[in-house]
C-alpha atoms as a PDB file:
ATOM      1  CA  MET A   1     -38.033  -4.739 -21.924  1.00  0.00           C
ATOM      2  CA  PHE A   2     -34.425  -5.898 -21.769  1.00  0.00           C
ATOM      3  CA  ALA A   3     -33.210  -4.048 -24.893  1.00  0.00           C
ATOM      4  CA  THR A   4     -33.547  -0.430 -25.985  1.00  0.00           C
ATOM      5  CA  ASP A   5     -33.121   1.556 -29.175  1.00  0.00           C
ATOM      6  CA  ARG A   6     -29.434   2.106 -28.432  1.00  0.00           C
ATOM      7  CA  ASP A   7     -28.894  -1.681 -28.453  1.00  0.00           C
ATOM      8  CA  LEU A   8     -30.390  -1.844 -31.938  1.00  0.00           C
ATOM      9  CA  TRP A   9     -28.293   1.138 -32.988  1.00  0.00           C
ATOM     10  CA  ILE A  10     -25.099  -0.646 -31.889  1.00  0.00           C
ATOM     11  CA  LEU A  11     -25.935  -3.709 -33.990  1.00  0.00           C
ATOM     12  CA  GLU A  12     -27.203  -1.685 -36.990  1.00  0.00           C
ATOM     13  CA  PRO A  13     -25.598   1.781 -37.270  1.00  0.00           C
ATOM     14  CA  ARG A  14     -27.739   2.658 -40.339  1.00  0.00           C
ATOM     15  CA  LEU A  15     -31.001   1.438 -38.819  1.00  0.00           C
ATOM     16  CA  PHE A  16     -32.466   4.885 -38.091  1.00  0.00           C
ATOM     17  CA  ASP A  17     -31.554   6.081 -41.570  1.00  0.00           C
ATOM     18  CA  ASP A  18     -32.579   3.139 -43.765  1.00  0.00           C
ATOM     19  CA  ILE A  19     -35.661   1.856 -41.874  1.00  0.00           C
ATOM     20  CA  ALA A  20     -36.913   5.171 -40.511  1.00  0.00           C
ATOM     21  CA  PHE A  21     -40.235   4.669 -42.321  1.00  0.00           C
ATOM     22  CA  SER A  22     -40.904   1.625 -40.094  1.00  0.00           C
ATOM     23  CA  ALA A  23     -40.244   3.489 -36.821  1.00  0.00           C
ATOM     24  CA  GLN A  24     -42.636   5.552 -34.693  1.00  0.00           C
ATOM     25  CA  ALA A  25     -41.956   9.261 -34.230  1.00  0.00           C
ATOM     26  CA  ARG A  26     -42.189  10.638 -30.685  1.00  0.00           C
ATOM     27  CA  LEU A  27     -40.669  14.050 -31.348  1.00  0.00           C
ATOM     28  CA  THR A  28     -40.300  15.823 -34.700  1.00  0.00           C
ATOM     29  CA  ASN A  29     -38.202  18.934 -35.360  1.00  0.00           C
ATOM     30  CA  GLN A  30     -38.725  20.253 -31.830  1.00  0.00           C
ATOM     31  CA  PRO A  31     -36.588  23.320 -30.945  1.00  0.00           C
ATOM     32  CA  ALA A  32     -34.245  22.783 -27.998  1.00  0.00           C
ATOM     33  CA  THR A  33     -31.266  24.414 -26.322  1.00  0.00           C
ATOM     34  CA  VAL A  34     -28.063  22.624 -25.341  1.00  0.00           C
ATOM     35  CA  GLY A  35     -27.554  22.827 -21.592  1.00  0.00           C
ATOM     36  CA  ALA A  36     -24.501  23.338 -19.455  1.00  0.00           C
ATOM     37  CA  GLY A  37     -21.667  20.900 -20.037  1.00  0.00           C
ATOM     38  CA  SER A  38     -23.261  19.821 -23.334  1.00  0.00           C
ATOM     39  CA  LEU A  39     -24.951  16.950 -21.479  1.00  0.00           C
ATOM     40  CA  ALA A  40     -28.557  18.168 -21.500  1.00  0.00           C
ATOM     41  CA  LEU A  41     -31.275  19.477 -23.801  1.00  0.00           C
ATOM     42  CA  ASN A  42     -33.887  21.963 -22.634  1.00  0.00           C
ATOM     43  CA  PHE A  43     -37.261  22.214 -24.398  1.00  0.00           C
ATOM     44  CA  THR A  44     -40.070  24.712 -24.193  1.00  0.00           C
ATOM     45  CA  GLY A  45     -43.757  24.196 -24.816  1.00  0.00           C
ATOM     46  CA  VAL A  46     -43.610  20.386 -24.759  1.00  0.00           C
ATOM     47  CA  ASP A  47     -44.227  17.749 -22.076  1.00  0.00           C
ATOM     48  CA  LEU A  48     -41.651  14.996 -22.521  1.00  0.00           C
ATOM     49  CA  ALA A  49     -43.359  12.708 -20.015  1.00  0.00           C
ATOM     50  CA  THR A  50     -46.522  12.456 -22.098  1.00  0.00           C
ATOM     51  CA  LEU A  51     -44.479  11.649 -25.234  1.00  0.00           C
ATOM     52  CA  GLY A  52     -43.079   8.497 -23.648  1.00  0.00           C
ATOM     53  CA  LEU A  53     -39.408   9.423 -23.917  1.00  0.00           C
ATOM     54  CA  MET A  54     -37.169   7.250 -21.760  1.00  0.00           C
ATOM     55  CA  PRO A  55     -33.473   6.414 -21.307  1.00  0.00           C
ATOM     56  CA  GLY A  56     -32.024   4.282 -24.063  1.00  0.00           C
ATOM     57  CA  MET A  57     -33.835   6.015 -26.900  1.00  0.00           C
ATOM     58  CA  VAL A  58     -31.962   7.691 -29.753  1.00  0.00           C
ATOM     59  CA  ILE A  59     -32.348  11.408 -30.488  1.00  0.00           C
ATOM     60  CA  ALA A  60     -31.290  13.094 -33.727  1.00  0.00           C
ATOM     61  CA  LEU A  61     -30.082  16.712 -33.720  1.00  0.00           C
ATOM     62  CA  ASP A  62     -30.333  18.338 -37.114  1.00  0.00           C
ATOM     63  CA  GLY A  63     -26.849  18.955 -38.492  1.00  0.00           C
ATOM     64  CA  TYR A  64     -25.011  17.186 -35.652  1.00  0.00           C
ATOM     65  CA  GLY A  65     -25.945  13.497 -35.809  1.00  0.00           C
ATOM     66  CA  ARG A  66     -27.590  11.072 -33.439  1.00  0.00           C
ATOM     67  CA  PHE A  67     -27.106  10.660 -29.700  1.00  0.00           C
ATOM     68  CA  GLU A  68     -28.572   8.568 -26.908  1.00  0.00           C
ATOM     69  CA  ILE A  69     -30.874   9.722 -24.133  1.00  0.00           C
ATOM     70  CA  THR A  70     -29.401   8.952 -20.720  1.00  0.00           C
ATOM     71  CA  GLU A  71     -32.211  10.241 -18.492  1.00  0.00           C
ATOM     72  CA  VAL A  72     -35.379  12.306 -18.410  1.00  0.00           C
ATOM     73  CA  THR A  73     -34.630  14.882 -15.738  1.00  0.00           C
ATOM     74  CA  SER A  74     -37.941  16.771 -15.977  1.00  0.00           C
ATOM     75  CA  ALA A  75     -40.931  17.342 -18.232  1.00  0.00           C
ATOM     76  CA  THR A  76     -38.867  19.755 -20.356  1.00  0.00           C
ATOM     77  CA  ALA A  77     -35.263  18.504 -20.001  1.00  0.00           C
ATOM     78  CA  LEU A  78     -33.325  15.473 -21.188  1.00  0.00           C
ATOM     79  CA  GLY A  79     -29.908  14.103 -20.330  1.00  0.00           C
ATOM     80  CA  VAL A  80     -28.030  13.192 -23.509  1.00  0.00           C
ATOM     81  CA  SER A  81     -24.658  11.709 -24.419  1.00  0.00           C
ATOM     82  CA  ARG A  82     -22.681  10.345 -27.283  1.00  0.00           C
ATOM     83  CA  LEU A  83     -23.068   6.606 -27.771  1.00  0.00           C
ATOM     84  CA  ARG A  84     -21.465   4.865 -24.790  1.00  0.00           C
ATOM     85  CA  HIS A  85     -20.054   1.351 -24.618  1.00  0.00           C
ATOM     86  CA  ALA A  86     -22.411   0.390 -21.781  1.00  0.00           C
ATOM     87  CA  HIS A  87     -25.616   1.579 -20.146  1.00  0.00           C
ATOM     88  CA  ASP A  88     -23.896   2.448 -16.873  1.00  0.00           C
ATOM     89  CA  ALA A  89     -20.866   4.170 -18.432  1.00  0.00           C
ATOM     90  CA  PRO A  90     -20.321   7.895 -17.764  1.00  0.00           C
ATOM     91  CA  ALA A  91     -22.017  10.305 -20.147  1.00  0.00           C
ATOM     92  CA  ILE A  92     -19.912  11.804 -22.946  1.00  0.00           C
ATOM     93  CA  PRO A  93     -20.527  15.494 -23.772  1.00  0.00           C
ATOM     94  CA  LEU A  94     -22.027  16.401 -27.123  1.00  0.00           C
ATOM     95  CA  PRO A  95     -19.802  18.064 -29.749  1.00  0.00           C
ATOM     96  CA  ILE A  96     -22.005  21.158 -29.492  1.00  0.00           C
ATOM     97  CA  ALA A  97     -21.347  24.323 -27.523  1.00  0.00           C
ATOM     98  CA  PRO A  98     -23.743  25.134 -24.656  1.00  0.00           C
ATOM     99  CA  SER A  99     -26.683  27.464 -25.346  1.00  0.00           C
ATOM    100  CA  THR A 100     -26.776  26.374 -28.997  1.00  0.00           C
ATOM    101  CA  GLU A 101     -30.209  26.163 -30.593  1.00  0.00           C
ATOM    102  CA  VAL A 102     -30.888  22.801 -32.227  1.00  0.00           C
ATOM    103  CA  SER A 103     -33.796  20.908 -33.766  1.00  0.00           C
ATOM    104  CA  ALA A 104     -34.491  17.531 -32.150  1.00  0.00           C
ATOM    105  CA  THR A 105     -36.247  14.438 -33.551  1.00  0.00           C
ATOM    106  CA  VAL A 106     -36.872  11.149 -31.728  1.00  0.00           C
ATOM    107  CA  ILE A 107     -38.019   7.969 -33.459  1.00  0.00           C
ATOM    108  CA  THR A 108     -38.248   4.611 -31.733  1.00  0.00           C
ATOM    109  CA  PHE A 109     -38.740   0.914 -32.435  1.00  0.00           C
ATOM    110  CA  ALA A 110     -40.302   0.296 -29.019  1.00  0.00           C
ATOM    111  CA  PRO A 111     -43.341  -1.649 -30.382  1.00  0.00           C
ATOM    112  CA  GLN A 112     -41.063  -4.092 -32.214  1.00  0.00           C
ATOM    113  CA  ILE A 113     -38.863  -4.459 -29.128  1.00  0.00           C
ATOM    114  CA  GLU A 114     -41.925  -5.157 -26.972  1.00  0.00           C
ATOM    115  CA  LEU A 115     -43.067  -7.841 -29.408  1.00  0.00           C
ATOM    116  CA  ALA A 116     -39.615  -9.427 -29.310  1.00  0.00           C
ATOM    117  CA  HIS A 117     -39.664  -9.175 -25.499  1.00  0.00           C
ATOM    118  CA  ARG A 118     -42.898 -11.134 -25.136  1.00  0.00           C
ATOM    119  CA  THR A 119     -41.792 -13.680 -27.718  1.00  0.00           C
ATOM    120  CA  LEU A 120     -38.524 -14.255 -25.858  1.00  0.00           C
ATOM    121  CA  LEU A 121     -40.313 -14.714 -22.530  1.00  0.00           C
ATOM    122  CA  ALA A 122     -42.746 -17.188 -24.074  1.00  0.00           C
ATOM    123  CA  THR A 123     -39.859 -19.130 -25.626  1.00  0.00           C
ATOM    124  CA  LEU A 124     -38.135 -19.425 -22.235  1.00  0.00           C
ATOM    125  CA  GLY A 125     -41.379 -20.307 -20.446  1.00  0.00           C
ATOM    126  CA  ILE A 126     -41.420 -17.093 -18.369  1.00  0.00           C
ATOM    127  CA  GLU A 127     -44.590 -15.178 -17.538  1.00  0.00           C
ATOM    128  CA  PRO A 128     -44.483 -11.389 -18.136  1.00  0.00           C
ATOM    129  CA  GLY A 129     -44.868  -8.946 -15.258  1.00  0.00           C
ATOM    130  CA  VAL A 130     -44.319  -9.350 -11.516  1.00  0.00           C
ATOM    131  CA  VAL A 131     -45.106 -12.274  -9.273  1.00  0.00           C
ATOM    132  CA  PRO A 132     -48.776 -12.077  -8.177  1.00  0.00           C
ATOM    133  CA  ASP A 133     -50.159 -13.067  -4.803  1.00  0.00           C
ATOM    134  CA  GLY A 134     -50.442 -16.836  -4.629  1.00  0.00           C
ATOM    135  CA  PRO A 135     -48.639 -17.666  -7.902  1.00  0.00           C
ATOM    136  CA  PRO A 136     -49.172 -21.120  -9.409  1.00  0.00           C
ATOM    137  CA  GLU A 137     -46.603 -23.757  -8.524  1.00  0.00           C
ATOM    138  CA  GLY A 138     -43.607 -23.840 -10.860  1.00  0.00           C
ATOM    139  CA  ALA A 139     -44.438 -20.539 -12.607  1.00  0.00           C
ATOM    140  CA  VAL A 140     -41.586 -18.119 -13.351  1.00  0.00           C
ATOM    141  CA  TYR A 141     -42.114 -14.375 -13.850  1.00  0.00           C
ATOM    142  CA  ALA A 142     -40.015 -11.690 -15.521  1.00  0.00           C
ATOM    143  CA  SER A 143     -39.540  -9.819 -12.235  1.00  0.00           C
ATOM    144  CA  GLN A 144     -37.512 -12.780 -10.915  1.00  0.00           C
ATOM    145  CA  ILE A 145     -34.768 -12.321 -13.501  1.00  0.00           C
ATOM    146  CA  LEU A 146     -31.565 -11.243 -11.809  1.00  0.00           C
ATOM    147  CA  ASN A 147     -29.521 -10.045 -14.798  1.00  0.00           C
ATOM    148  CA  PRO A 148     -31.726  -8.888 -17.681  1.00  0.00           C
ATOM    149  CA  GLU A 149     -28.576  -7.771 -19.514  1.00  0.00           C
ATOM    150  CA  ALA A 150     -27.974 -11.429 -20.382  1.00  0.00           C
ATOM    151  CA  LEU A 151     -31.152 -11.395 -22.482  1.00  0.00           C
ATOM    152  CA  ALA A 152     -30.723  -7.927 -24.021  1.00  0.00           C
ATOM    153  CA  ARG A 153     -28.714  -9.169 -27.016  1.00  0.00           C
ATOM    154  CA  ALA A 154     -31.149 -11.975 -27.841  1.00  0.00           C
ATOM    155  CA  GLU A 155     -34.055  -9.537 -27.601  1.00  0.00           C
ATOM    156  CA  ALA A 156     -32.300  -6.953 -29.781  1.00  0.00           C
ATOM    157  CA  LEU A 157     -31.550  -9.540 -32.485  1.00  0.00           C
ATOM    158  CA  SER A 158     -35.146 -10.739 -32.430  1.00  0.00           C
ATOM    159  CA  ALA A 159     -36.391  -7.144 -32.699  1.00  0.00           C
ATOM    160  CA  LEU A 160     -34.141  -6.513 -35.709  1.00  0.00           C
ATOM    161  CA  HIS A 161     -35.564  -9.623 -37.349  1.00  0.00           C
ATOM    162  CA  THR A 162     -39.080  -8.244 -36.837  1.00  0.00           C
ATOM    163  CA  ILE A 163     -38.106  -4.793 -38.133  1.00  0.00           C
ATOM    164  CA  TYR A 164     -36.454  -6.044 -41.320  1.00  0.00           C
ATOM    165  CA  SER A 165     -39.202  -8.599 -41.949  1.00  0.00           C
ATOM    166  CA  SER A 166     -41.875  -5.907 -41.856  1.00  0.00           C
ATOM    167  CA  ALA A 167     -39.749  -3.592 -44.009  1.00  0.00           C
ATOM    168  CA  SER A 168     -39.128  -6.280 -46.638  1.00  0.00           C
ATOM    169  CA  ALA A 169     -42.894  -6.765 -47.068  1.00  0.00           C
ATOM    170  CA  LEU A 170     -43.081  -3.236 -48.514  1.00  0.00           C
ATOM    171  CA  LEU A 171     -40.215  -3.718 -50.957  1.00  0.00           C
ATOM    172  CA  PRO A 172     -39.645  -5.946 -54.013  1.00  0.00           C
ATOM    173  CA  ALA A 173     -38.828  -9.607 -53.551  1.00  0.00           C
ATOM    174  CA  HIS A 174     -35.232 -10.687 -52.897  1.00  0.00           C
ATOM    175  CA  ASP A 175     -34.446  -7.304 -51.388  1.00  0.00           C
ATOM    176  CA  ILE A 176     -31.494  -6.829 -49.059  1.00  0.00           C
ATOM    177  CA  HIS A 177     -33.902  -6.304 -46.159  1.00  0.00           C
ATOM    178  CA  ALA A 178     -35.286  -9.834 -46.551  1.00  0.00           C
ATOM    179  CA  GLU A 179     -31.754 -11.238 -46.431  1.00  0.00           C
ATOM    180  CA  ARG A 180     -30.974  -9.269 -43.287  1.00  0.00           C
ATOM    181  CA  ALA A 181     -34.219 -10.466 -41.701  1.00  0.00           C
ATOM    182  CA  ALA A 182     -33.208 -14.099 -42.311  1.00  0.00           C
ATOM    183  CA  MET A 183     -29.726 -13.410 -40.948  1.00  0.00           C
ATOM    184  CA  TYR A 184     -31.070 -11.859 -37.735  1.00  0.00           C
ATOM    185  CA  ALA A 185     -33.513 -14.750 -37.312  1.00  0.00           C
ATOM    186  CA  ARG A 186     -30.589 -17.190 -37.321  1.00  0.00           C
ATOM    187  CA  ARG A 187     -28.519 -15.045 -34.970  1.00  0.00           C
ATOM    188  CA  ALA A 188     -31.422 -14.627 -32.544  1.00  0.00           C
ATOM    189  CA  ALA A 189     -32.053 -18.380 -32.438  1.00  0.00           C
ATOM    190  CA  ASP A 190     -28.351 -19.032 -31.868  1.00  0.00           C
ATOM    191  CA  GLN A 191     -28.211 -16.437 -29.080  1.00  0.00           C
ATOM    192  CA  ARG A 192     -31.199 -17.984 -27.295  1.00  0.00           C
ATOM    193  CA  THR A 193     -29.500 -21.371 -27.203  1.00  0.00           C
ATOM    194  CA  ARG A 194     -26.404 -19.787 -25.631  1.00  0.00           C
ATOM    195  CA  THR A 195     -28.354 -18.251 -22.737  1.00  0.00           C
ATOM    196  CA  PRO A 196     -29.136 -20.881 -20.059  1.00  0.00           C
ATOM    197  CA  LEU A 197     -32.308 -20.176 -18.138  1.00  0.00           C
ATOM    198  CA  THR A 198     -30.758 -21.063 -14.784  1.00  0.00           C
ATOM    199  CA  SER A 199     -28.160 -18.282 -15.081  1.00  0.00           C
ATOM    200  CA  ILE A 200     -30.715 -15.454 -15.206  1.00  0.00           C
ATOM    201  CA  LEU A 201     -33.153 -16.538 -12.477  1.00  0.00           C
ATOM    202  CA  THR A 202     -33.035 -16.410  -8.700  1.00  0.00           C
ATOM    203  CA  THR A 203     -31.606 -19.428  -6.898  1.00  0.00           C
ATOM    204  CA  THR A 204     -34.976 -20.254  -5.347  1.00  0.00           C
ATOM    205  CA  VAL A 205     -36.687 -20.655  -8.702  1.00  0.00           C
ATOM    206  CA  SER A 206     -36.240 -23.571 -11.062  1.00  0.00           C
ATOM    207  CA  PRO A 207     -37.442 -23.799 -14.650  1.00  0.00           C
ATOM    208  CA  THR A 208     -40.862 -25.278 -15.160  1.00  0.00           C
ATOM    209  CA  SER A 209     -40.724 -29.061 -15.541  1.00  0.00           C
ATOM    210  CA  PRO A 210     -43.241 -30.974 -17.651  1.00  0.00           C
ATOM    211  CA  ALA A 211     -46.181 -32.464 -15.820  1.00  0.00           C
ATOM    212  CA  PRO A 212     -46.039 -36.272 -15.332  1.00  0.00           C
ATOM    213  CA  HIS A 213     -48.293 -38.427 -17.448  1.00  0.00           C
ATOM    214  CA  PRO A 214     -51.529 -39.354 -15.647  1.00  0.00           C
ATOM    215  CA  PRO A 215     -51.997 -43.053 -14.776  1.00  0.00           C
ATOM    216  CA  HIS A 216     -54.133 -45.257 -16.984  1.00  0.00           C
ATOM    217  CA  ALA A 217     -57.817 -45.130 -16.183  1.00  0.00           C
ATOM    218  CA  SER A 218     -58.140 -48.916 -15.822  1.00  0.00           C
ATOM    219  CA  GLY A 219     -55.691 -49.166 -12.916  1.00  0.00           C
ATOM    220  CA  ALA A 220     -52.343 -50.824 -12.321  1.00  0.00           C
ATOM    221  CA  ARG A 221     -53.569 -54.405 -12.911  1.00  0.00           C
ATOM    222  CA  ASP A 222     -54.950 -53.790 -16.385  1.00  0.00           C
ATOM    223  CA  ARG A 223     -52.412 -51.245 -17.668  1.00  0.00           C
ATOM    224  CA  SER A 224     -51.518 -51.745 -21.296  1.00  0.00           C
ATOM    225  CA  SER A 225     -48.022 -52.511 -22.489  1.00  0.00           C
ATOM    226  CA  PHE A 226     -46.272 -53.427 -25.703  1.00  0.00           C
ATOM    227  CA  SER A 227     -45.030 -56.976 -26.221  1.00  0.00           C
ATOM    228  CA  PRO A 228     -41.663 -57.688 -27.866  1.00  0.00           C
ATOM    229  CA  CYS A 229     -43.503 -58.631 -31.069  1.00  0.00           C
ATOM    230  CA  GLY A 230     -45.048 -55.209 -31.383  1.00  0.00           C
ATOM    231  CA  ARG A 231     -48.543 -56.225 -30.269  1.00  0.00           C
ATOM    232  CA  ARG A 232     -50.319 -54.474 -27.454  1.00  0.00           C
ATOM    233  CA  TRP A 233     -51.541 -56.780 -24.686  1.00  0.00           C
ATOM    234  CA  PRO A 234     -53.025 -56.147 -21.223  1.00  0.00           C
ATOM    235  CA  ARG A 235     -50.541 -56.700 -18.421  1.00  0.00           C
ATOM    236  CA  SER A 236     -52.428 -59.303 -16.414  1.00  0.00           C
ATOM    237  CA  GLY A 237     -51.669 -62.790 -15.132  1.00  0.00           C
ATOM    238  CA  ARG A 238     -54.365 -64.661 -17.016  1.00  0.00           C
ATOM    239  CA  MET A 239     -53.135 -63.278 -20.351  1.00  0.00           C
ATOM    240  CA  ARG A 240     -49.429 -63.837 -19.692  1.00  0.00           C
ATOM    241  CA  GLY A 241     -49.347 -67.330 -21.198  1.00  0.00           C
ATOM    242  CA  GLN A 242     -51.317 -66.225 -24.239  1.00  0.00           C
ATOM    243  CA  ARG A 243     -48.977 -63.301 -24.706  1.00  0.00           C
ATOM    244  CA  ARG A 244     -45.967 -65.605 -24.692  1.00  0.00           C
ATOM    245  CA  SER A 245     -47.588 -68.061 -27.082  1.00  0.00           C
ATOM    246  CA  ARG A 246     -48.463 -65.296 -29.467  1.00  0.00           C
ATOM    247  CA  CYS A 247     -44.893 -64.014 -29.338  1.00  0.00           C
ATOM    248  CA  ARG A 248     -43.537 -67.474 -30.187  1.00  0.00           C
ATOM    249  CA  SER A 249     -45.869 -67.705 -33.153  1.00  0.00           C
ATOM    250  CA  ALA A 250     -44.808 -64.418 -34.679  1.00  0.00           C
ATOM    251  CA  PRO A 251     -44.979 -64.429 -38.478  1.00  0.00           C
ATOM    252  CA  LYS A 252     -41.755 -65.132 -40.309  1.00  0.00           C
ATOM    253  CA  PHE A 253     -40.625 -64.348 -43.805  1.00  0.00           C
ATOM    254  CA  ARG A 254     -42.004 -66.781 -46.351  1.00  0.00           C
ATOM    255  CA  ALA A 255     -39.878 -68.453 -48.999  1.00  0.00           C
ATOM    256  CA  ALA A 256     -40.072 -67.076 -52.506  1.00  0.00           C
ATOM    257  CA  PRO A 257     -42.413 -68.956 -54.886  1.00  0.00           C
ATOM    258  CA  SER A 258     -40.783 -71.554 -57.133  1.00  0.00           C
ATOM    259  CA  HIS A 259     -41.749 -69.758 -60.308  1.00  0.00           C
ATOM    260  CA  LEU A 260     -39.765 -66.664 -59.317  1.00  0.00           C
ATOM    261  CA  SER A 261     -36.078 -66.664 -60.171  1.00  0.00           C
ATOM    262  CA  CYS A 262     -33.536 -65.086 -57.851  1.00  0.00           C
ATOM    263  CA  GLU A 263     -30.789 -65.029 -60.475  1.00  0.00           C
ATOM    264  CA  PRO A 264     -29.396 -61.556 -61.055  1.00  0.00           C
ATOM    265  CA  LEU A 265     -30.312 -59.897 -64.278  1.00  0.00           C
ATOM    266  CA  THR A 266     -27.357 -59.297 -66.584  1.00  0.00           C
ATOM    267  CA  PRO A 267     -28.140 -56.561 -69.063  1.00  0.00           C
ATOM    268  CA  THR A 268     -26.780 -56.981 -72.574  1.00  0.00           C
ATOM    269  CA  LEU A 269     -24.865 -53.955 -73.704  1.00  0.00           C
ATOM    270  CA  THR A 270     -24.313 -53.379 -77.411  1.00  0.00           C
ATOM    271  CA  ARG A 271     -22.424 -50.715 -79.232  1.00  0.00           C
ATOM    272  CA  LYS A 272     -22.816 -49.726 -82.831  1.00  0.00           C
ATOM    273  CA  GLY A 273     -19.964 -48.770 -85.036  1.00  0.00           C
ATOM    274  CA  ARG A 274     -19.992 -46.706 -88.175  1.00  0.00           C
ATOM    275  CA  GLY A 275     -23.040 -47.164 -90.388  1.00  0.00           C
ATOM    276  CA  GLY A 276     -25.047 -48.776 -87.608  1.00  0.00           C
ATOM    277  CA  GLN A 277     -23.009 -52.033 -87.701  1.00  0.00           C
ATOM    278  CA  PRO A 278     -21.494 -53.643 -84.617  1.00  0.00           C
ATOM    279  CA  PRO A 279     -17.831 -52.734 -84.173  1.00  0.00           C
ATOM    280  CA  THR A 280     -15.189 -55.222 -85.329  1.00  0.00           C
ATOM    281  CA  PRO A 281     -13.668 -57.003 -82.335  1.00  0.00           C
ATOM    282  CA  ARG A 282     -10.026 -56.305 -81.738  1.00  0.00           C
ATOM    283  CA  PRO A 283      -7.610 -59.271 -82.006  1.00  0.00           C
ATOM    284  CA  THR A 284      -6.227 -60.702 -78.827  1.00  0.00           C
ATOM    285  CA  MET A 285      -3.302 -63.003 -77.996  1.00  0.00           C
ATOM    286  CA  ARG A 286      -5.542 -66.018 -78.333  1.00  0.00           C
ATOM    287  CA  ASP A 287      -6.278 -65.157 -81.989  1.00  0.00           C
ATOM    288  CA  LEU A 288      -2.598 -65.309 -83.021  1.00  0.00           C
ATOM    289  CA  PRO A 289      -1.444 -68.495 -84.879  1.00  0.00           C
ATOM    290  CA  PRO A 290       0.874 -70.870 -83.024  1.00  0.00           C
ATOM    291  CA  PRO A 291       4.594 -70.537 -83.746  1.00  0.00           C
END
């Protein structure tokens, strides 16, 4: 996947509070201890590897807020930081003193991000996974992408559209979540058009081109073509004269029958005055007597 939970969190700061019922819980109210430098969390009695925790997820510490996971150092330890401006930026210590006991909860939208990931690849014509042995000619795989960061924003917007669409199905019609889903659908489509495929692939790979149309089954001599008159005639020498004669005798517009009149219709407009009587015409200069 190109995007993570922290990318969704940047675009929607209230996402983990308002749509928490649509997320999947990986860790719930698990006791932990803040490590040295306030950059780590140590757990006991839990195997973090089996829970599927990974960098980029968002962890909530009861009473202190939410933070991002920077690394999984062991089966019982996590590297954490305040929200950074980039994935590769240095970690920022938590506003918590070392050796403090906290309660940790981790929820994720990884299934929605994975769905958006596969949809984005299918839209760009890219096969998921790595390049297999003997790949088909012209096929492009996700492992050949040089800079996946260029697609992270489009994937995050598409994931937010999926999240808010599923949340709006559980709420009354014309809810704010349905409006946000439509907004993120437009933003995701606009972001995809701004990301050229050639800028994210290796130089030895070109986008898949459409296959040429197969030749006509009857051969080159009897291929069909359209005449200027709109009729379809075989392209052959013995029919060339007939094709020309038919084109010269194309139907023309016939004259209108004599009993039909082409004079424009002039509607008669009448106005009624008081009592249903026609109004009295106003005098003009022509109605005045001569001097």
